[in-house]
């Protein structure tokens, strides 16, 4: 297995990595609620660890909106 293929996670693995349910990733993928990149391999969906890390980084906050209004 090459490095690119070993970097791919199943929906279950990606959900565990993010601490959410696999169904949540499925909803996000179909609704477009969050622009989390995924790879289609036939009928399977796979996630790259680097994409998950970049997505997490983009969601990192230093304060909530309510805190900024004080």
PDB file of N, CA and C in Angstrom:
ATOM      1  N   UNK A   1       0.843  -1.182   0.000  1.00  0.00           N
ATOM      2  CA  UNK A   1       0.000   0.000   0.000  1.00  0.00           C
ATOM      3  C   UNK A   1       0.882   1.238   0.000  1.00  0.00           C
ATOM      4  N   UNK A   2       0.578   2.188  -0.878  1.00  0.00           N
ATOM      5  CA  UNK A   2       1.403   3.392  -0.925  1.00  0.00           C
ATOM      6  C   UNK A   2       0.986   4.374   0.170  1.00  0.00           C
ATOM      7  N   UNK A   3       1.776   5.416   0.360  1.00  0.00           N
ATOM      8  CA  UNK A   3       1.540   6.368   1.449  1.00  0.00           C
ATOM      9  C   UNK A   3       0.206   7.086   1.297  1.00  0.00           C
ATOM     10  N   UNK A   4      -0.179   7.431   0.069  1.00  0.00           N
ATOM     11  CA  UNK A   4      -1.446   8.139  -0.146  1.00  0.00           C
ATOM     12  C   UNK A   4      -2.629   7.269   0.261  1.00  0.00           C
ATOM     13  N   UNK A   5      -2.589   6.004  -0.083  1.00  0.00           N
ATOM     14  CA  UNK A   5      -3.685   5.100   0.264  1.00  0.00           C
ATOM     15  C   UNK A   5      -3.735   4.847   1.760  1.00  0.00           C
ATOM     16  N   UNK A   6      -2.590   4.770   2.413  1.00  0.00           N
ATOM     17  CA  UNK A   6      -2.587   4.520   3.848  1.00  0.00           C
ATOM     18  C   UNK A   6      -3.036   5.741   4.641  1.00  0.00           C
ATOM     19  N   UNK A   7      -3.053   6.910   4.012  1.00  0.00           N
ATOM     20  CA  UNK A   7      -3.492   8.148   4.646  1.00  0.00           C
ATOM     21  C   UNK A   7      -5.009   8.263   4.657  1.00  0.00           C
ATOM     22  N   UNK A   8      -5.704   7.422   3.903  1.00  0.00           N
ATOM     23  CA  UNK A   8      -7.154   7.492   3.804  1.00  0.00           C
ATOM     24  C   UNK A   8      -7.821   6.764   4.964  1.00  0.00           C
ATOM     25  N   UNK A   9      -8.855   7.399   5.523  1.00  0.00           N
ATOM     26  CA  UNK A   9      -9.607   6.807   6.624  1.00  0.00           C
ATOM     27  C   UNK A   9     -11.026   6.523   6.166  1.00  0.00           C
ATOM     28  N   UNK A  10     -11.605   5.471   6.713  1.00  0.00           N
ATOM     29  CA  UNK A  10     -13.019   5.203   6.467  1.00  0.00           C
ATOM     30  C   UNK A  10     -13.845   6.270   7.184  1.00  0.00           C
ATOM     31  N   UNK A  11     -15.127   6.310   6.888  1.00  0.00           N
ATOM     32  CA  UNK A  11     -16.009   7.253   7.578  1.00  0.00           C
ATOM     33  C   UNK A  11     -16.007   6.977   9.084  1.00  0.00           C
ATOM     34  N   UNK A  12     -15.998   5.704   9.466  1.00  0.00           N
ATOM     35  CA  UNK A  12     -15.958   5.326  10.882  1.00  0.00           C
ATOM     36  C   UNK A  12     -14.672   5.839  11.544  1.00  0.00           C
ATOM     37  N   UNK A  13     -13.540   5.622  10.887  1.00  0.00           N
ATOM     38  CA  UNK A  13     -12.260   6.069  11.438  1.00  0.00           C
ATOM     39  C   UNK A  13     -12.201   7.591  11.540  1.00  0.00           C
ATOM     40  N   UNK A  14     -12.686   8.267  10.504  1.00  0.00           N
ATOM     41  CA  UNK A  14     -12.678   9.734  10.513  1.00  0.00           C
ATOM     42  C   UNK A  14     -13.584  10.268  11.622  1.00  0.00           C
ATOM     43  N   UNK A  15     -14.726   9.642  11.801  1.00  0.00           N
ATOM     44  CA  UNK A  15     -15.640  10.068  12.857  1.00  0.00           C
ATOM     45  C   UNK A  15     -15.005   9.883  14.232  1.00  0.00           C
ATOM     46  N   UNK A  16     -14.348   8.763  14.436  1.00  0.00           N
ATOM     47  CA  UNK A  16     -13.654   8.531  15.706  1.00  0.00           C
ATOM     48  C   UNK A  16     -12.569   9.575  15.920  1.00  0.00           C
ATOM     49  N   UNK A  17     -11.836   9.901  14.871  1.00  0.00           N
ATOM     50  CA  UNK A  17     -10.770  10.900  14.935  1.00  0.00           C
ATOM     51  C   UNK A  17     -11.328  12.261  15.348  1.00  0.00           C
ATOM     52  N   UNK A  18     -12.511  12.608  14.824  1.00  0.00           N
ATOM     53  CA  UNK A  18     -13.133  13.896  15.121  1.00  0.00           C
ATOM     54  C   UNK A  18     -13.988  13.873  16.392  1.00  0.00           C
ATOM     55  N   UNK A  19     -14.282  12.681  16.892  1.00  0.00           N
ATOM     56  CA  UNK A  19     -15.103  12.558  18.092  1.00  0.00           C
ATOM     57  C   UNK A  19     -16.584  12.781  17.829  1.00  0.00           C
ATOM     58  N   UNK A  20     -17.038  12.382  16.641  1.00  0.00           N
ATOM     59  CA  UNK A  20     -18.447  12.510  16.274  1.00  0.00           C
ATOM     60  C   UNK A  20     -18.947  11.174  15.749  1.00  0.00           C
ATOM     61  N   UNK A  21     -20.229  11.097  15.454  1.00  0.00           N
ATOM     62  CA  UNK A  21     -20.822   9.884  14.904  1.00  0.00           C
ATOM     63  C   UNK A  21     -20.604   9.822  13.385  1.00  0.00           C
ATOM     64  N   UNK A  22     -20.428   8.616  12.833  1.00  0.00           N
ATOM     65  CA  UNK A  22     -20.288   8.484  11.373  1.00  0.00           C
ATOM     66  C   UNK A  22     -21.483   9.066  10.615  1.00  0.00           C
ATOM     67  N   UNK A  23     -22.672   8.950  11.191  1.00  0.00           N
ATOM     68  CA  UNK A  23     -23.863   9.490  10.541  1.00  0.00           C
ATOM     69  C   UNK A  23     -23.764  11.008  10.376  1.00  0.00           C
ATOM     70  N   UNK A  24     -23.094  11.666  11.299  1.00  0.00           N
ATOM     71  CA  UNK A  24     -22.911  13.112  11.197  1.00  0.00           C
ATOM     72  C   UNK A  24     -22.096  13.458   9.962  1.00  0.00           C
ATOM     73  N   UNK A  25     -21.041  12.708   9.719  1.00  0.00           N
ATOM     74  CA  UNK A  25     -20.238  12.935   8.510  1.00  0.00           C
ATOM     75  C   UNK A  25     -21.066  12.693   7.259  1.00  0.00           C
ATOM     76  N   UNK A  26     -21.914  11.692   7.300  1.00  0.00           N
ATOM     77  CA  UNK A  26     -22.777  11.397   6.160  1.00  0.00           C
ATOM     78  C   UNK A  26     -23.730  12.561   5.888  1.00  0.00           C
ATOM     79  N   UNK A  27     -24.329  13.112   6.928  1.00  0.00           N
ATOM     80  CA  UNK A  27     -25.232  14.259   6.779  1.00  0.00           C
ATOM     81  C   UNK A  27     -24.472  15.459   6.232  1.00  0.00           C
ATOM     82  N   UNK A  28     -23.293  15.722   6.775  1.00  0.00           N
ATOM     83  CA  UNK A  28     -22.501  16.853   6.287  1.00  0.00           C
ATOM     84  C   UNK A  28     -22.155  16.697   4.811  1.00  0.00           C
ATOM     85  N   UNK A  29     -21.835  15.476   4.400  1.00  0.00           N
ATOM     86  CA  UNK A  29     -21.451  15.232   3.003  1.00  0.00           C
ATOM     87  C   UNK A  29     -22.632  15.448   2.062  1.00  0.00           C
ATOM     88  N   UNK A  30     -23.828  15.059   2.487  1.00  0.00           N
ATOM     89  CA  UNK A  30     -24.991  15.194   1.605  1.00  0.00           C
ATOM     90  C   UNK A  30     -25.618  16.585   1.664  1.00  0.00           C
ATOM     91  N   UNK A  31     -25.536  17.241   2.807  1.00  0.00           N
ATOM     92  CA  UNK A  31     -26.177  18.545   2.958  1.00  0.00           C
ATOM     93  C   UNK A  31     -25.258  19.713   2.606  1.00  0.00           C
ATOM     94  N   UNK A  32     -23.948  19.483   2.678  1.00  0.00           N
ATOM     95  CA  UNK A  32     -22.992  20.562   2.452  1.00  0.00           C
ATOM     96  C   UNK A  32     -22.890  21.510   3.634  1.00  0.00           C
ATOM     97  N   UNK A  33     -23.409  21.094   4.792  1.00  0.00           N
ATOM     98  CA  UNK A  33     -23.391  21.956   5.982  1.00  0.00           C
ATOM     99  C   UNK A  33     -21.974  22.392   6.334  1.00  0.00           C
ATOM    100  N   UNK A  34     -21.052  21.458   6.305  1.00  0.00           N
ATOM    101  CA  UNK A  34     -19.635  21.762   6.524  1.00  0.00           C
ATOM    102  C   UNK A  34     -18.873  21.289   5.292  1.00  0.00           C
ATOM    103  N   UNK A  35     -17.979  22.104   4.835  1.00  0.00           N
ATOM    104  CA  UNK A  35     -17.217  21.782   3.625  1.00  0.00           C
ATOM    105  C   UNK A  35     -16.002  20.926   3.981  1.00  0.00           C
ATOM    106  N   UNK A  36     -16.268  19.724   4.463  1.00  0.00           N
ATOM    107  CA  UNK A  36     -15.211  18.795   4.834  1.00  0.00           C
ATOM    108  C   UNK A  36     -14.917  17.898   3.632  1.00  0.00           C
ATOM    109  N   UNK A  37     -13.730  18.031   3.041  1.00  0.00           N
ATOM    110  CA  UNK A  37     -13.420  17.248   1.843  1.00  0.00           C
ATOM    111  C   UNK A  37     -13.420  15.743   2.119  1.00  0.00           C
ATOM    112  N   UNK A  38     -13.875  14.996   1.120  1.00  0.00           N
ATOM    113  CA  UNK A  38     -13.811  13.544   1.182  1.00  0.00           C
ATOM    114  C   UNK A  38     -13.502  13.012  -0.207  1.00  0.00           C
ATOM    115  N   UNK A  39     -13.084  11.757  -0.257  1.00  0.00           N
ATOM    116  CA  UNK A  39     -12.685  11.107  -1.503  1.00  0.00           C
ATOM    117  C   UNK A  39     -13.645   9.958  -1.760  1.00  0.00           C
ATOM    118  N   UNK A  40     -14.191   9.890  -2.960  1.00  0.00           N
ATOM    119  CA  UNK A  40     -15.034   8.760  -3.331  1.00  0.00           C
ATOM    120  C   UNK A  40     -14.150   7.719  -4.004  1.00  0.00           C
ATOM    121  N   UNK A  41     -14.199   6.501  -3.485  1.00  0.00           N
ATOM    122  CA  UNK A  41     -13.483   5.371  -4.063  1.00  0.00           C
ATOM    123  C   UNK A  41     -14.551   4.336  -4.384  1.00  0.00           C
ATOM    124  N   UNK A  42     -15.022   4.361  -5.615  1.00  0.00           N
ATOM    125  CA  UNK A  42     -16.178   3.541  -5.959  1.00  0.00           C
ATOM    126  C   UNK A  42     -17.374   4.050  -5.173  1.00  0.00           C
ATOM    127  N   UNK A  43     -17.993   3.174  -4.391  1.00  0.00           N
ATOM    128  CA  UNK A  43     -19.117   3.578  -3.543  1.00  0.00           C
ATOM    129  C   UNK A  43     -18.669   3.995  -2.155  1.00  0.00           C
ATOM    130  N   UNK A  44     -17.410   3.787  -1.867  1.00  0.00           N
ATOM    131  CA  UNK A  44     -16.882   4.095  -0.534  1.00  0.00           C
ATOM    132  C   UNK A  44     -16.473   5.559  -0.416  1.00  0.00           C
ATOM    133  N   UNK A  45     -16.580   6.059   0.789  1.00  0.00           N
ATOM    134  CA  UNK A  45     -16.138   7.420   1.101  1.00  0.00           C
ATOM    135  C   UNK A  45     -14.925   7.308   2.009  1.00  0.00           C
ATOM    136  N   UNK A  46     -13.899   8.077   1.698  1.00  0.00           N
ATOM    137  CA  UNK A  46     -12.679   8.084   2.511  1.00  0.00           C
ATOM    138  C   UNK A  46     -12.311   9.525   2.823  1.00  0.00           C
ATOM    139  N   UNK A  47     -11.607   9.709   3.924  1.00  0.00           N
ATOM    140  CA  UNK A  47     -11.175  11.032   4.369  1.00  0.00           C
ATOM    141  C   UNK A  47      -9.666  11.022   4.553  1.00  0.00           C
ATOM    142  N   UNK A  48      -9.008  12.087   4.107  1.00  0.00           N
ATOM    143  CA  UNK A  48      -7.564  12.233   4.318  1.00  0.00           C
ATOM    144  C   UNK A  48      -7.338  12.888   5.673  1.00  0.00           C
ATOM    145  N   UNK A  49      -6.401  12.347   6.415  1.00  0.00           N
ATOM    146  CA  UNK A  49      -6.082  12.903   7.738  1.00  0.00           C
ATOM    147  C   UNK A  49      -5.702  14.377   7.622  1.00  0.00           C
ATOM    148  N   UNK A  50      -4.933  14.742   6.615  1.00  0.00           N
ATOM    149  CA  UNK A  50      -4.509  16.142   6.480  1.00  0.00           C
ATOM    150  C   UNK A  50      -5.707  17.058   6.231  1.00  0.00           C
ATOM    151  N   UNK A  51      -6.728  16.575   5.494  1.00  0.00           N
ATOM    152  CA  UNK A  51      -7.936  17.371   5.283  1.00  0.00           C
ATOM    153  C   UNK A  51      -8.698  17.550   6.589  1.00  0.00           C
ATOM    154  N   UNK A  52      -8.758  16.497   7.395  1.00  0.00           N
ATOM    155  CA  UNK A  52      -9.424  16.593   8.693  1.00  0.00           C
ATOM    156  C   UNK A  52      -8.687  17.581   9.590  1.00  0.00           C
ATOM    157  N   UNK A  53      -7.359  17.501   9.593  1.00  0.00           N
ATOM    158  CA  UNK A  53      -6.566  18.426  10.413  1.00  0.00           C
ATOM    159  C   UNK A  53      -6.742  19.874   9.952  1.00  0.00           C
ATOM    160  N   UNK A  54      -6.749  20.099   8.636  1.00  0.00           N
ATOM    161  CA  UNK A  54      -6.942  21.459   8.107  1.00  0.00           C
ATOM    162  C   UNK A  54      -8.333  21.973   8.449  1.00  0.00           C
ATOM    163  N   UNK A  55      -9.334  21.110   8.360  1.00  0.00           N
ATOM    164  CA  UNK A  55     -10.697  21.508   8.689  1.00  0.00           C
ATOM    165  C   UNK A  55     -10.789  21.874  10.170  1.00  0.00           C
ATOM    166  N   UNK A  56     -10.184  21.056  11.030  1.00  0.00           N
ATOM    167  CA  UNK A  56     -10.181  21.362  12.458  1.00  0.00           C
ATOM    168  C   UNK A  56      -9.493  22.694  12.725  1.00  0.00           C
ATOM    169  N   UNK A  57      -8.373  22.914  12.067  1.00  0.00           N
ATOM    170  CA  UNK A  57      -7.633  24.171  12.232  1.00  0.00           C
ATOM    171  C   UNK A  57      -8.496  25.366  11.819  1.00  0.00           C
ATOM    172  N   UNK A  58      -9.240  25.220  10.744  1.00  0.00           N
ATOM    173  CA  UNK A  58     -10.089  26.315  10.271  1.00  0.00           C
ATOM    174  C   UNK A  58     -11.249  26.600  11.224  1.00  0.00           C
ATOM    175  N   UNK A  59     -11.580  25.652  12.079  1.00  0.00           N
ATOM    176  CA  UNK A  59     -12.684  25.805  13.031  1.00  0.00           C
ATOM    177  C   UNK A  59     -12.206  26.216  14.417  1.00  0.00           C
ATOM    178  N   UNK A  60     -10.910  26.430  14.572  1.00  0.00           N
ATOM    179  CA  UNK A  60     -10.350  26.801  15.862  1.00  0.00           C
ATOM    180  C   UNK A  60     -10.658  28.264  16.155  1.00  0.00           C
ATOM    181  N   UNK A  61     -11.232  28.500  17.321  1.00  0.00           N
ATOM    182  CA  UNK A  61     -11.641  29.846  17.720  1.00  0.00           C
ATOM    183  C   UNK A  61     -10.873  30.284  18.966  1.00  0.00           C
ATOM    184  N   UNK A  62     -10.779  31.589  19.150  1.00  0.00           N
ATOM    185  CA  UNK A  62     -10.167  32.123  20.368  1.00  0.00           C
ATOM    186  C   UNK A  62     -11.212  32.695  21.305  1.00  0.00           C
ATOM    187  N   UNK A  63     -12.422  32.942  20.770  1.00  0.00           N
ATOM    188  CA  UNK A  63     -13.524  33.407  21.610  1.00  0.00           C
ATOM    189  C   UNK A  63     -14.837  33.124  20.900  1.00  0.00           C
ATOM    190  N   UNK A  64     -15.923  33.113  21.647  1.00  0.00           N
ATOM    191  CA  UNK A  64     -17.233  32.936  21.028  1.00  0.00           C
ATOM    192  C   UNK A  64     -17.758  34.292  20.590  1.00  0.00           C
ATOM    193  N   UNK A  65     -18.736  34.295  19.744  1.00  0.00           N
ATOM    194  CA  UNK A  65     -19.340  35.550  19.285  1.00  0.00           C
ATOM    195  C   UNK A  65     -19.898  36.311  20.482  1.00  0.00           C
ATOM    196  N   UNK A  66     -20.549  35.617  21.397  1.00  0.00           N
ATOM    197  CA  UNK A  66     -21.110  36.280  22.572  1.00  0.00           C
ATOM    198  C   UNK A  66     -20.024  36.953  23.398  1.00  0.00           C
ATOM    199  N   UNK A  67     -18.862  36.297  23.530  1.00  0.00           N
ATOM    200  CA  UNK A  67     -17.753  36.880  24.276  1.00  0.00           C
ATOM    201  C   UNK A  67     -17.237  38.153  23.615  1.00  0.00           C
ATOM    202  N   UNK A  68     -17.277  38.203  22.313  1.00  0.00           N
ATOM    203  CA  UNK A  68     -16.735  39.363  21.597  1.00  0.00           C
ATOM    204  C   UNK A  68     -17.642  40.584  21.704  1.00  0.00           C
ATOM    205  N   UNK A  69     -18.907  40.387  22.125  1.00  0.00           N
ATOM    206  CA  UNK A  69     -19.850  41.499  22.244  1.00  0.00           C
ATOM    207  C   UNK A  69     -19.774  42.185  23.604  1.00  0.00           C
ATOM    208  N   UNK A  70     -19.020  41.649  24.527  1.00  0.00           N
ATOM    209  CA  UNK A  70     -18.915  42.226  25.879  1.00  0.00           C
ATOM    210  C   UNK A  70     -18.055  43.479  25.880  1.00  0.00           C
TER     211      UNK A  70
END
